[in-house]
């Protein structure tokens, strides 16, 4: 009877440990996905910033052409 009780406790303990590990994996996965999301957003912002920079340079160049003529 004592052996069954100890075995049950060990199984319960193993389940708790497994559950904690799964929760850590889920949490890590959520954090990794969020980091990936942020990296994608940063790339988008860099692209938009580059496009704005190009647009501003073109506008300035056209203003100089208008003033220069």
C-alpha atoms as a PDB file:
ATOM      1  CA  UNK A   1       0.000   0.000   0.000  1.00  0.00           C
ATOM      2  CA  UNK A   2       2.838   2.360   0.853  1.00  0.00           C
ATOM      3  CA  UNK A   3       4.485   1.672  -2.524  1.00  0.00           C
ATOM      4  CA  UNK A   4       1.330   2.688  -4.417  1.00  0.00           C
ATOM      5  CA  UNK A   5       1.058   5.891  -2.388  1.00  0.00           C
ATOM      6  CA  UNK A   6       4.679   6.860  -3.094  1.00  0.00           C
ATOM      7  CA  UNK A   7       4.260   5.991  -6.765  1.00  0.00           C
ATOM      8  CA  UNK A   8       1.168   8.185  -6.934  1.00  0.00           C
ATOM      9  CA  UNK A   9       3.036  11.069  -5.305  1.00  0.00           C
ATOM     10  CA  UNK A  10       5.923  10.646  -7.725  1.00  0.00           C
ATOM     11  CA  UNK A  11       3.524  10.651 -10.695  1.00  0.00           C
ATOM     12  CA  UNK A  12       1.801  13.755  -9.363  1.00  0.00           C
ATOM     13  CA  UNK A  13       5.170  15.435  -8.891  1.00  0.00           C
ATOM     14  CA  UNK A  14       6.229  14.481 -12.415  1.00  0.00           C
ATOM     15  CA  UNK A  15       2.982  15.898 -13.791  1.00  0.00           C
ATOM     16  CA  UNK A  16       3.551  19.163 -11.953  1.00  0.00           C
ATOM     17  CA  UNK A  17       7.094  19.383 -13.307  1.00  0.00           C
ATOM     18  CA  UNK A  18       5.883  18.589 -16.831  1.00  0.00           C
ATOM     19  CA  UNK A  19       3.191  21.230 -16.508  1.00  0.00           C
ATOM     20  CA  UNK A  20       5.718  23.830 -15.345  1.00  0.00           C
ATOM     21  CA  UNK A  21       8.041  22.979 -18.230  1.00  0.00           C
ATOM     22  CA  UNK A  22       5.185  23.266 -20.731  1.00  0.00           C
ATOM     23  CA  UNK A  23       4.211  26.638 -19.287  1.00  0.00           C
ATOM     24  CA  UNK A  24       7.806  27.837 -19.585  1.00  0.00           C
ATOM     25  CA  UNK A  25       7.922  26.654 -23.192  1.00  0.00           C
ATOM     26  CA  UNK A  26       4.637  28.439 -23.955  1.00  0.00           C
ATOM     27  CA  UNK A  27       5.877  31.611 -22.281  1.00  0.00           C
ATOM     28  CA  UNK A  28       9.159  31.432 -24.195  1.00  0.00           C
ATOM     29  CA  UNK A  29       7.281  30.844 -27.433  1.00  0.00           C
ATOM     30  CA  UNK A  30       5.057  33.877 -26.798  1.00  0.00           C
ATOM     31  CA  UNK A  31       8.126  36.003 -26.035  1.00  0.00           C
ATOM     32  CA  UNK A  32       9.933  34.716 -29.145  1.00  0.00           C
ATOM     33  CA  UNK A  33       6.883  35.447 -31.301  1.00  0.00           C
ATOM     34  CA  UNK A  34       6.613  38.939 -29.839  1.00  0.00           C
ATOM     35  CA  UNK A  35      10.307  39.598 -30.503  1.00  0.00           C
ATOM     36  CA  UNK A  36       9.844  38.369 -34.066  1.00  0.00           C
ATOM     37  CA  UNK A  37       6.794  40.630 -34.426  1.00  0.00           C
ATOM     38  CA  UNK A  38       8.823  43.612 -33.192  1.00  0.00           C
ATOM     39  CA  UNK A  39      11.654  42.837 -35.611  1.00  0.00           C
ATOM     40  CA  UNK A  40       9.185  42.773 -38.511  1.00  0.00           C
ATOM     41  CA  UNK A  41       7.678  46.076 -37.376  1.00  0.00           C
ATOM     42  CA  UNK A  42      11.149  47.641 -37.141  1.00  0.00           C
ATOM     43  CA  UNK A  43      11.909  46.493 -40.693  1.00  0.00           C
ATOM     44  CA  UNK A  44       8.623  48.052 -41.857  1.00  0.00           C
ATOM     45  CA  UNK A  45       9.484  51.322 -40.106  1.00  0.00           C
ATOM     46  CA  UNK A  46      12.963  51.348 -41.661  1.00  0.00           C
ATOM     47  CA  UNK A  47      11.451  50.786 -45.099  1.00  0.00           C
ATOM     48  CA  UNK A  48       8.930  53.599 -44.636  1.00  0.00           C
ATOM     49  CA  UNK A  49      11.658  55.877 -43.272  1.00  0.00           C
ATOM     50  CA  UNK A  50      13.837  55.116 -46.304  1.00  0.00           C
ATOM     51  CA  UNK A  51      10.921  55.815 -48.664  1.00  0.00           C
ATOM     52  CA  UNK A  52      10.194  59.101 -46.886  1.00  0.00           C
ATOM     53  CA  UNK A  53      13.854  60.047 -47.071  1.00  0.00           C
ATOM     54  CA  UNK A  54      13.888  59.360 -50.820  1.00  0.00           C
ATOM     55  CA  UNK A  55      10.686  61.335 -51.316  1.00  0.00           C
ATOM     56  CA  UNK A  56      12.019  64.315 -49.344  1.00  0.00           C
ATOM     57  CA  UNK A  57      15.268  64.282 -51.337  1.00  0.00           C
ATOM     58  CA  UNK A  58      13.292  64.263 -54.605  1.00  0.00           C
ATOM     59  CA  UNK A  59      11.094  67.127 -53.415  1.00  0.00           C
ATOM     60  CA  UNK A  60      14.104  69.176 -52.337  1.00  0.00           C
ATOM     61  CA  UNK A  61      15.796  68.496 -55.684  1.00  0.00           C
ATOM     62  CA  UNK A  62      12.693  69.587 -57.583  1.00  0.00           C
ATOM     63  CA  UNK A  63      12.484  72.757 -55.467  1.00  0.00           C
ATOM     64  CA  UNK A  64      16.090  73.572 -56.300  1.00  0.00           C
ATOM     65  CA  UNK A  65      15.299  73.003 -59.996  1.00  0.00           C
ATOM     66  CA  UNK A  66      12.311  75.361 -59.802  1.00  0.00           C
ATOM     67  CA  UNK A  67      14.309  78.028 -57.942  1.00  0.00           C
ATOM     68  CA  UNK A  68      17.325  77.542 -60.184  1.00  0.00           C
ATOM     69  CA  UNK A  69      15.415  78.193 -63.413  1.00  0.00           C
END
